[in-house]
Amino acid sequence: MSEENQQFAIQKIYLKDVSFESPNSPQAFTDGDWQPKVNVQINSSNNVIAQDTYEVVLNITVTASQNEKTAFLVEVKQAGIFTIAGFSEENIGGMVGAFCPESLFPYAREAISELISKGGFPQLLLAPVNFNALYTQQLQQGEAAPDDQETAH
């Protein structure tokens, strides 16, 4: 197909699921200087919902622990519906595996920062993520293929 027939459009961006837990509050606020160990896990999944229409879900889990106790755990599933038409199977795989999650990331980062702040903790801004590198790594490890229903890293 020619590039003239290629189409990429964001139909909708939405929060699919969100969770915030602070299991050790209020002690977490009084437990010495705030120097947490922060663990960030990022996964993405996708599925075809109609011809040339994909739902992509970016799942980010952030766990912060202070003095070996969980201060907070936040999980956000940021989703989007994308129209992708006129591309090769390989290009579609890269788009749903890297480009779409990259488009969703700023929304997820904002939701996570807001939840953590509302939970009474200092603002946390996630560093940018190179989704192309993550997707390429998945392909090299044989964990992801353009027609896979779910990819994780």
N, C-alpha and C. Protein backbone atom coordinates (compact mmCIF):
# COMPACT_ATOMS: atom_id res chain seq x y z
N MET A 1 0.84 -1.19 0.00
CA MET A 1 0.00 0.00 0.00
C MET A 1 0.88 1.25 0.00
N SER A 2 0.36 2.28 -0.60
CA SER A 2 1.13 3.52 -0.65
C SER A 2 0.93 4.30 0.64
N GLU A 3 1.84 5.23 0.85
CA GLU A 3 1.76 6.05 2.05
C GLU A 3 0.49 6.90 2.07
N GLU A 4 -0.08 7.17 0.90
CA GLU A 4 -1.31 7.98 0.83
C GLU A 4 -2.46 7.29 1.56
N ASN A 5 -2.44 5.97 1.60
CA ASN A 5 -3.51 5.21 2.24
C ASN A 5 -3.26 4.95 3.72
N GLN A 6 -2.13 5.41 4.22
CA GLN A 6 -1.81 5.18 5.63
C GLN A 6 -2.60 6.14 6.51
N GLN A 7 -3.10 5.59 7.61
CA GLN A 7 -3.90 6.41 8.53
C GLN A 7 -3.53 6.03 9.96
N PHE A 8 -3.28 7.06 10.76
CA PHE A 8 -3.09 6.87 12.20
C PHE A 8 -3.89 7.95 12.90
N ALA A 9 -4.75 7.53 13.82
CA ALA A 9 -5.55 8.51 14.55
C ALA A 9 -5.81 8.01 15.96
N ILE A 10 -5.79 8.93 16.90
CA ILE A 10 -6.17 8.62 18.28
C ILE A 10 -7.67 8.87 18.38
N GLN A 11 -8.42 7.81 18.68
CA GLN A 11 -9.88 7.95 18.80
C GLN A 11 -10.27 8.40 20.21
N LYS A 12 -9.60 7.84 21.22
CA LYS A 12 -9.94 8.16 22.60
C LYS A 12 -8.78 7.76 23.50
N ILE A 13 -8.57 8.56 24.56
CA ILE A 13 -7.60 8.24 25.60
C ILE A 13 -8.35 8.27 26.92
N TYR A 14 -8.18 7.21 27.72
CA TYR A 14 -8.96 7.11 28.95
C TYR A 14 -8.24 6.28 30.00
N LEU A 15 -8.60 6.52 31.26
CA LEU A 15 -8.12 5.69 32.36
C LEU A 15 -8.99 4.44 32.41
N LYS A 16 -8.36 3.28 32.31
CA LYS A 16 -9.10 2.02 32.34
C LYS A 16 -9.19 1.49 33.77
N ASP A 17 -8.12 1.70 34.55
CA ASP A 17 -8.09 1.23 35.93
C ASP A 17 -7.07 2.06 36.68
N VAL A 18 -7.36 2.34 37.96
CA VAL A 18 -6.44 3.12 38.77
C VAL A 18 -6.54 2.62 40.21
N SER A 19 -5.38 2.57 40.88
CA SER A 19 -5.36 2.10 42.26
C SER A 19 -4.25 2.84 43.02
N PHE A 20 -4.57 3.25 44.24
CA PHE A 20 -3.58 3.87 45.11
C PHE A 20 -3.72 3.26 46.49
N GLU A 21 -2.60 2.81 47.05
CA GLU A 21 -2.61 2.25 48.40
C GLU A 21 -1.47 2.86 49.20
N SER A 22 -1.76 3.18 50.44
CA SER A 22 -0.75 3.64 51.38
C SER A 22 -0.92 2.81 52.66
N PRO A 23 -0.44 1.55 52.63
CA PRO A 23 -0.74 0.60 53.70
C PRO A 23 -0.13 0.96 55.06
N ASN A 24 0.90 1.78 55.07
CA ASN A 24 1.56 2.09 56.34
C ASN A 24 1.42 3.55 56.75
N SER A 25 0.34 4.18 56.29
CA SER A 25 0.11 5.55 56.77
C SER A 25 -0.67 5.46 58.07
N PRO A 26 -0.52 6.37 58.98
CA PRO A 26 0.24 7.61 58.88
C PRO A 26 1.72 7.46 59.21
N GLN A 27 2.17 6.28 59.66
CA GLN A 27 3.58 6.11 60.03
C GLN A 27 4.52 6.46 58.88
N ALA A 28 4.09 6.23 57.65
CA ALA A 28 4.94 6.52 56.50
C ALA A 28 5.33 7.99 56.43
N PHE A 29 4.48 8.87 56.99
CA PHE A 29 4.76 10.30 56.94
C PHE A 29 5.71 10.75 58.05
N THR A 30 5.89 9.93 59.06
CA THR A 30 6.70 10.33 60.22
C THR A 30 7.92 9.45 60.39
N ASP A 31 8.23 8.67 59.38
CA ASP A 31 9.29 7.66 59.46
C ASP A 31 10.63 8.20 58.98
N GLY A 32 11.10 9.30 59.56
CA GLY A 32 12.42 9.85 59.21
C GLY A 32 12.40 10.62 57.91
N ASP A 33 13.62 10.92 57.40
CA ASP A 33 13.75 11.64 56.14
C ASP A 33 13.16 10.82 55.00
N TRP A 34 12.49 11.49 54.08
CA TRP A 34 11.86 10.82 52.95
C TRP A 34 12.91 10.49 51.90
N GLN A 35 13.40 9.25 51.96
CA GLN A 35 14.39 8.74 51.00
C GLN A 35 13.91 7.37 50.51
N PRO A 36 12.82 7.33 49.76
CA PRO A 36 12.23 6.04 49.41
C PRO A 36 13.01 5.29 48.33
N LYS A 37 12.85 3.98 48.35
CA LYS A 37 13.29 3.15 47.22
C LYS A 37 12.08 3.05 46.32
N VAL A 38 12.25 3.43 45.08
CA VAL A 38 11.12 3.45 44.15
C VAL A 38 11.35 2.41 43.05
N ASN A 39 10.33 1.58 42.85
CA ASN A 39 10.36 0.56 41.80
C ASN A 39 9.25 0.88 40.80
N VAL A 40 9.60 0.94 39.53
CA VAL A 40 8.63 1.24 38.48
C VAL A 40 8.58 0.05 37.51
N GLN A 41 7.38 -0.45 37.28
CA GLN A 41 7.18 -1.53 36.31
C GLN A 41 6.25 -1.01 35.22
N ILE A 42 6.63 -1.29 33.97
CA ILE A 42 5.84 -0.83 32.83
C ILE A 42 5.55 -2.01 31.92
N ASN A 43 4.28 -2.19 31.61
CA ASN A 43 3.84 -3.22 30.67
C ASN A 43 2.85 -2.60 29.71
N SER A 44 2.73 -3.20 28.55
CA SER A 44 1.69 -2.76 27.63
C SER A 44 1.03 -3.97 27.01
N SER A 45 -0.21 -3.81 26.66
CA SER A 45 -0.94 -4.86 25.97
C SER A 45 -1.80 -4.21 24.91
N ASN A 46 -2.23 -5.00 23.96
CA ASN A 46 -3.09 -4.46 22.90
C ASN A 46 -4.00 -5.55 22.39
N ASN A 47 -5.11 -5.11 21.86
CA ASN A 47 -5.99 -6.05 21.16
C ASN A 47 -6.74 -5.31 20.06
N VAL A 48 -7.13 -6.09 19.07
CA VAL A 48 -7.88 -5.55 17.95
C VAL A 48 -9.34 -5.50 18.37
N ILE A 49 -9.97 -4.32 18.25
CA ILE A 49 -11.38 -4.23 18.63
C ILE A 49 -12.31 -4.07 17.42
N ALA A 50 -11.74 -3.75 16.28
CA ALA A 50 -12.48 -3.69 15.02
C ALA A 50 -11.42 -3.62 13.92
N GLN A 51 -11.85 -3.71 12.68
CA GLN A 51 -10.87 -3.63 11.60
C GLN A 51 -10.12 -2.30 11.68
N ASP A 52 -8.80 -2.39 11.72
CA ASP A 52 -7.92 -1.21 11.78
C ASP A 52 -8.06 -0.41 13.06
N THR A 53 -8.69 -0.98 14.09
CA THR A 53 -8.89 -0.28 15.35
C THR A 53 -8.35 -1.12 16.49
N TYR A 54 -7.49 -0.50 17.30
CA TYR A 54 -6.78 -1.21 18.36
C TYR A 54 -6.98 -0.51 19.70
N GLU A 55 -7.12 -1.31 20.75
CA GLU A 55 -7.05 -0.76 22.09
C GLU A 55 -5.65 -1.09 22.60
N VAL A 56 -4.96 -0.08 23.08
CA VAL A 56 -3.64 -0.27 23.67
C VAL A 56 -3.73 0.19 25.12
N VAL A 57 -3.22 -0.65 26.04
CA VAL A 57 -3.26 -0.34 27.46
C VAL A 57 -1.83 -0.29 27.99
N LEU A 58 -1.48 0.83 28.57
CA LEU A 58 -0.17 1.02 29.22
C LEU A 58 -0.40 0.86 30.71
N ASN A 59 0.24 -0.14 31.30
CA ASN A 59 0.07 -0.44 32.72
C ASN A 59 1.37 -0.07 33.44
N ILE A 60 1.27 0.90 34.36
CA ILE A 60 2.45 1.34 35.12
C ILE A 60 2.16 1.15 36.60
N THR A 61 3.07 0.46 37.27
CA THR A 61 2.97 0.25 38.71
C THR A 61 4.20 0.88 39.36
N VAL A 62 3.96 1.73 40.35
CA VAL A 62 5.04 2.39 41.09
C VAL A 62 4.90 1.99 42.56
N THR A 63 5.97 1.43 43.10
CA THR A 63 5.99 1.07 44.52
C THR A 63 7.13 1.84 45.18
N ALA A 64 6.81 2.53 46.27
CA ALA A 64 7.83 3.25 47.04
C ALA A 64 7.88 2.66 48.43
N SER A 65 9.09 2.32 48.86
CA SER A 65 9.24 1.79 50.22
C SER A 65 10.25 2.63 50.98
N GLN A 66 9.95 2.79 52.26
CA GLN A 66 10.78 3.57 53.17
C GLN A 66 11.07 2.67 54.37
N ASN A 67 12.34 2.50 54.68
CA ASN A 67 12.73 1.64 55.80
C ASN A 67 12.08 0.26 55.71
N GLU A 68 12.15 -0.33 54.52
CA GLU A 68 11.66 -1.70 54.27
C GLU A 68 10.14 -1.85 54.37
N LYS A 69 9.41 -0.75 54.46
CA LYS A 69 7.95 -0.81 54.51
C LYS A 69 7.39 -0.07 53.30
N THR A 70 6.31 -0.61 52.74
CA THR A 70 5.69 0.05 51.60
C THR A 70 5.05 1.36 52.04
N ALA A 71 5.52 2.45 51.45
CA ALA A 71 4.93 3.76 51.73
C ALA A 71 3.68 3.93 50.86
N PHE A 72 3.83 3.65 49.56
CA PHE A 72 2.67 3.68 48.68
C PHE A 72 2.89 2.77 47.49
N LEU A 73 1.77 2.38 46.91
CA LEU A 73 1.76 1.59 45.68
C LEU A 73 0.67 2.20 44.81
N VAL A 74 1.03 2.58 43.61
CA VAL A 74 0.06 3.16 42.69
C VAL A 74 0.13 2.39 41.37
N GLU A 75 -1.04 2.08 40.85
CA GLU A 75 -1.11 1.40 39.56
C GLU A 75 -2.10 2.14 38.67
N VAL A 76 -1.65 2.42 37.45
CA VAL A 76 -2.49 3.10 36.48
C VAL A 76 -2.49 2.29 35.19
N LYS A 77 -3.68 2.04 34.69
CA LYS A 77 -3.84 1.44 33.36
C LYS A 77 -4.42 2.54 32.47
N GLN A 78 -3.54 3.14 31.69
CA GLN A 78 -3.92 4.22 30.78
C GLN A 78 -4.17 3.58 29.42
N ALA A 79 -5.33 3.81 28.87
CA ALA A 79 -5.68 3.14 27.62
C ALA A 79 -6.00 4.13 26.53
N GLY A 80 -5.96 3.63 25.32
CA GLY A 80 -6.32 4.44 24.17
C GLY A 80 -6.87 3.57 23.07
N ILE A 81 -7.72 4.16 22.26
CA ILE A 81 -8.23 3.50 21.07
C ILE A 81 -7.62 4.22 19.88
N PHE A 82 -6.98 3.44 19.02
CA PHE A 82 -6.23 3.99 17.89
C PHE A 82 -6.71 3.38 16.59
N THR A 83 -6.82 4.20 15.56
CA THR A 83 -7.06 3.71 14.21
C THR A 83 -5.72 3.66 13.50
N ILE A 84 -5.37 2.49 13.01
CA ILE A 84 -4.11 2.30 12.31
C ILE A 84 -4.42 1.51 11.04
N ALA A 85 -4.27 2.14 9.89
CA ALA A 85 -4.62 1.48 8.63
C ALA A 85 -3.57 1.78 7.57
N GLY A 86 -3.40 0.83 6.67
CA GLY A 86 -2.54 1.03 5.52
C GLY A 86 -1.06 0.80 5.78
N PHE A 87 -0.72 0.21 6.92
CA PHE A 87 0.67 -0.06 7.26
C PHE A 87 0.95 -1.56 7.15
N SER A 88 2.21 -1.91 7.00
CA SER A 88 2.58 -3.33 6.98
C SER A 88 2.38 -3.92 8.37
N GLU A 89 2.27 -5.23 8.45
CA GLU A 89 2.10 -5.92 9.73
C GLU A 89 3.24 -5.55 10.68
N GLU A 90 4.45 -5.50 10.16
CA GLU A 90 5.62 -5.17 10.98
C GLU A 90 5.50 -3.76 11.56
N ASN A 91 5.09 -2.82 10.71
CA ASN A 91 4.92 -1.44 11.18
C ASN A 91 3.79 -1.33 12.19
N ILE A 92 2.71 -2.07 11.98
CA ILE A 92 1.60 -2.04 12.94
C ILE A 92 2.07 -2.57 14.29
N GLY A 93 2.88 -3.62 14.28
CA GLY A 93 3.43 -4.16 15.53
C GLY A 93 4.22 -3.11 16.29
N GLY A 94 5.05 -2.37 15.58
CA GLY A 94 5.82 -1.30 16.21
C GLY A 94 4.95 -0.16 16.69
N MET A 95 3.89 0.11 15.96
CA MET A 95 3.01 1.21 16.37
C MET A 95 2.24 0.86 17.64
N VAL A 96 1.66 -0.36 17.71
CA VAL A 96 0.91 -0.72 18.92
C VAL A 96 1.85 -1.10 20.06
N GLY A 97 3.08 -1.50 19.74
CA GLY A 97 4.02 -1.90 20.78
C GLY A 97 4.89 -0.78 21.30
N ALA A 98 5.05 0.30 20.54
CA ALA A 98 5.94 1.39 20.96
C ALA A 98 5.30 2.77 20.81
N PHE A 99 4.81 3.08 19.62
CA PHE A 99 4.31 4.44 19.37
C PHE A 99 3.06 4.75 20.19
N CYS A 100 2.11 3.82 20.25
CA CYS A 100 0.88 4.06 21.02
C CYS A 100 1.17 4.17 22.52
N PRO A 101 1.95 3.23 23.11
CA PRO A 101 2.28 3.40 24.54
C PRO A 101 3.00 4.72 24.82
N GLU A 102 3.86 5.13 23.88
CA GLU A 102 4.55 6.40 24.04
C GLU A 102 3.56 7.57 24.04
N SER A 103 2.50 7.47 23.24
CA SER A 103 1.46 8.50 23.22
C SER A 103 0.67 8.53 24.52
N LEU A 104 0.51 7.38 25.16
CA LEU A 104 -0.26 7.27 26.40
C LEU A 104 0.55 7.68 27.63
N PHE A 105 1.87 7.57 27.55
CA PHE A 105 2.73 7.76 28.71
C PHE A 105 2.53 9.11 29.43
N PRO A 106 2.46 10.25 28.72
CA PRO A 106 2.29 11.52 29.46
C PRO A 106 1.01 11.55 30.30
N TYR A 107 -0.04 10.93 29.81
CA TYR A 107 -1.31 10.89 30.57
C TYR A 107 -1.15 10.03 31.82
N ALA A 108 -0.48 8.89 31.67
CA ALA A 108 -0.26 8.00 32.81
C ALA A 108 0.66 8.68 33.83
N ARG A 109 1.70 9.34 33.35
CA ARG A 109 2.63 10.03 34.25
C ARG A 109 1.90 11.09 35.08
N GLU A 110 1.03 11.85 34.43
CA GLU A 110 0.27 12.88 35.13
C GLU A 110 -0.67 12.26 36.18
N ALA A 111 -1.36 11.18 35.81
CA ALA A 111 -2.28 10.52 36.75
C ALA A 111 -1.52 9.98 37.96
N ILE A 112 -0.36 9.39 37.73
CA ILE A 112 0.45 8.84 38.83
C ILE A 112 0.92 9.95 39.74
N SER A 113 1.43 11.03 39.18
CA SER A 113 1.91 12.15 39.97
C SER A 113 0.79 12.73 40.83
N GLU A 114 -0.38 12.88 40.23
CA GLU A 114 -1.53 13.45 40.95
C GLU A 114 -1.99 12.52 42.09
N LEU A 115 -2.04 11.23 41.83
CA LEU A 115 -2.45 10.27 42.87
C LEU A 115 -1.48 10.28 44.05
N ILE A 116 -0.19 10.31 43.75
CA ILE A 116 0.81 10.30 44.81
C ILE A 116 0.71 11.58 45.65
N SER A 117 0.55 12.72 44.97
CA SER A 117 0.40 13.99 45.70
C SER A 117 -0.86 13.99 46.56
N LYS A 118 -1.97 13.50 46.02
CA LYS A 118 -3.21 13.44 46.78
C LYS A 118 -3.10 12.47 47.96
N GLY A 119 -2.19 11.51 47.84
CA GLY A 119 -1.96 10.56 48.92
C GLY A 119 -1.09 11.14 50.03
N GLY A 120 -0.64 12.39 49.86
CA GLY A 120 0.13 13.06 50.90
C GLY A 120 1.63 12.93 50.76
N PHE A 121 2.10 12.38 49.65
CA PHE A 121 3.53 12.18 49.45
C PHE A 121 4.08 13.23 48.49
N PRO A 122 5.40 13.47 48.53
CA PRO A 122 6.01 14.42 47.59
C PRO A 122 5.78 13.98 46.14
N GLN A 123 5.65 14.97 45.28
CA GLN A 123 5.41 14.70 43.86
C GLN A 123 6.48 13.77 43.29
N LEU A 124 6.05 12.86 42.46
CA LEU A 124 6.97 11.96 41.76
C LEU A 124 6.70 12.10 40.27
N LEU A 125 7.72 12.50 39.53
CA LEU A 125 7.61 12.60 38.09
C LEU A 125 8.43 11.48 37.46
N LEU A 126 7.78 10.61 36.73
CA LEU A 126 8.47 9.51 36.08
C LEU A 126 9.35 10.05 34.96
N ALA A 127 10.53 9.49 34.85
CA ALA A 127 11.45 9.88 33.78
C ALA A 127 10.90 9.39 32.43
N PRO A 128 11.27 10.07 31.35
CA PRO A 128 10.84 9.60 30.03
C PRO A 128 11.29 8.16 29.79
N VAL A 129 10.51 7.45 28.99
CA VAL A 129 10.79 6.05 28.67
C VAL A 129 10.97 5.93 27.17
N ASN A 130 11.97 5.18 26.74
CA ASN A 130 12.20 4.92 25.32
C ASN A 130 11.43 3.65 24.95
N PHE A 131 10.19 3.81 24.52
CA PHE A 131 9.36 2.66 24.19
C PHE A 131 9.85 1.92 22.96
N ASN A 132 10.51 2.63 22.02
CA ASN A 132 11.07 1.95 20.85
C ASN A 132 12.15 0.96 21.28
N ALA A 133 13.00 1.37 22.22
CA ALA A 133 14.05 0.47 22.70
C ALA A 133 13.45 -0.72 23.44
N LEU A 134 12.43 -0.47 24.26
CA LEU A 134 11.77 -1.57 24.98
C LEU A 134 11.13 -2.55 24.00
N TYR A 135 10.47 -2.03 22.98
CA TYR A 135 9.81 -2.89 22.00
C TYR A 135 10.85 -3.70 21.23
N THR A 136 11.93 -3.06 20.83
CA THR A 136 13.00 -3.75 20.11
C THR A 136 13.59 -4.86 20.98
N GLN A 137 13.78 -4.57 22.26
CA GLN A 137 14.29 -5.57 23.20
C GLN A 137 13.33 -6.76 23.29
N GLN A 138 12.04 -6.48 23.33
CA GLN A 138 11.04 -7.55 23.38
C GLN A 138 11.14 -8.43 22.14
N LEU A 139 11.27 -7.80 20.98
CA LEU A 139 11.36 -8.57 19.74
C LEU A 139 12.61 -9.45 19.74
N GLN A 140 13.72 -8.90 20.22
CA GLN A 140 14.96 -9.66 20.25
C GLN A 140 14.87 -10.83 21.21
N GLN A 141 14.09 -10.68 22.27
CA GLN A 141 13.94 -11.76 23.25
C GLN A 141 12.85 -12.73 22.82
N GLY A 142 12.18 -12.43 21.70
CA GLY A 142 11.15 -13.32 21.20
C GLY A 142 9.87 -13.28 22.00
N GLU A 143 9.71 -12.24 22.84
CA GLU A 143 8.52 -12.13 23.68
C GLU A 143 7.38 -11.41 22.97
N ALA A 144 7.70 -10.68 21.92
CA ALA A 144 6.66 -9.90 21.27
C ALA A 144 6.68 -10.15 19.78
N ALA A 145 5.51 -10.26 19.22
CA ALA A 145 5.35 -10.35 17.77
C ALA A 145 4.20 -9.41 17.42
N PRO A 146 4.18 -8.90 16.19
CA PRO A 146 3.16 -7.93 15.83
C PRO A 146 1.72 -8.40 16.10
N ASP A 147 1.48 -9.71 16.06
CA ASP A 147 0.12 -10.17 16.26
C ASP A 147 -0.12 -10.72 17.67
N ASP A 148 0.84 -10.54 18.58
CA ASP A 148 0.62 -10.97 19.95
C ASP A 148 -0.49 -10.15 20.59
N GLN A 149 -1.26 -10.78 21.45
CA GLN A 149 -2.32 -10.08 22.16
C GLN A 149 -1.76 -9.27 23.32
N GLU A 150 -0.65 -9.73 23.91
CA GLU A 150 -0.14 -9.02 25.08
C GLU A 150 1.39 -9.07 25.06
N THR A 151 2.00 -7.94 25.39
CA THR A 151 3.45 -7.87 25.52
C THR A 151 3.77 -7.30 26.88
N ALA A 152 4.84 -7.78 27.46
CA ALA A 152 5.24 -7.29 28.80
C ALA A 152 6.75 -7.19 28.85
N HIS A 153 7.22 -6.29 29.70
CA HIS A 153 8.67 -6.16 29.93
C HIS A 153 8.92 -5.73 31.32
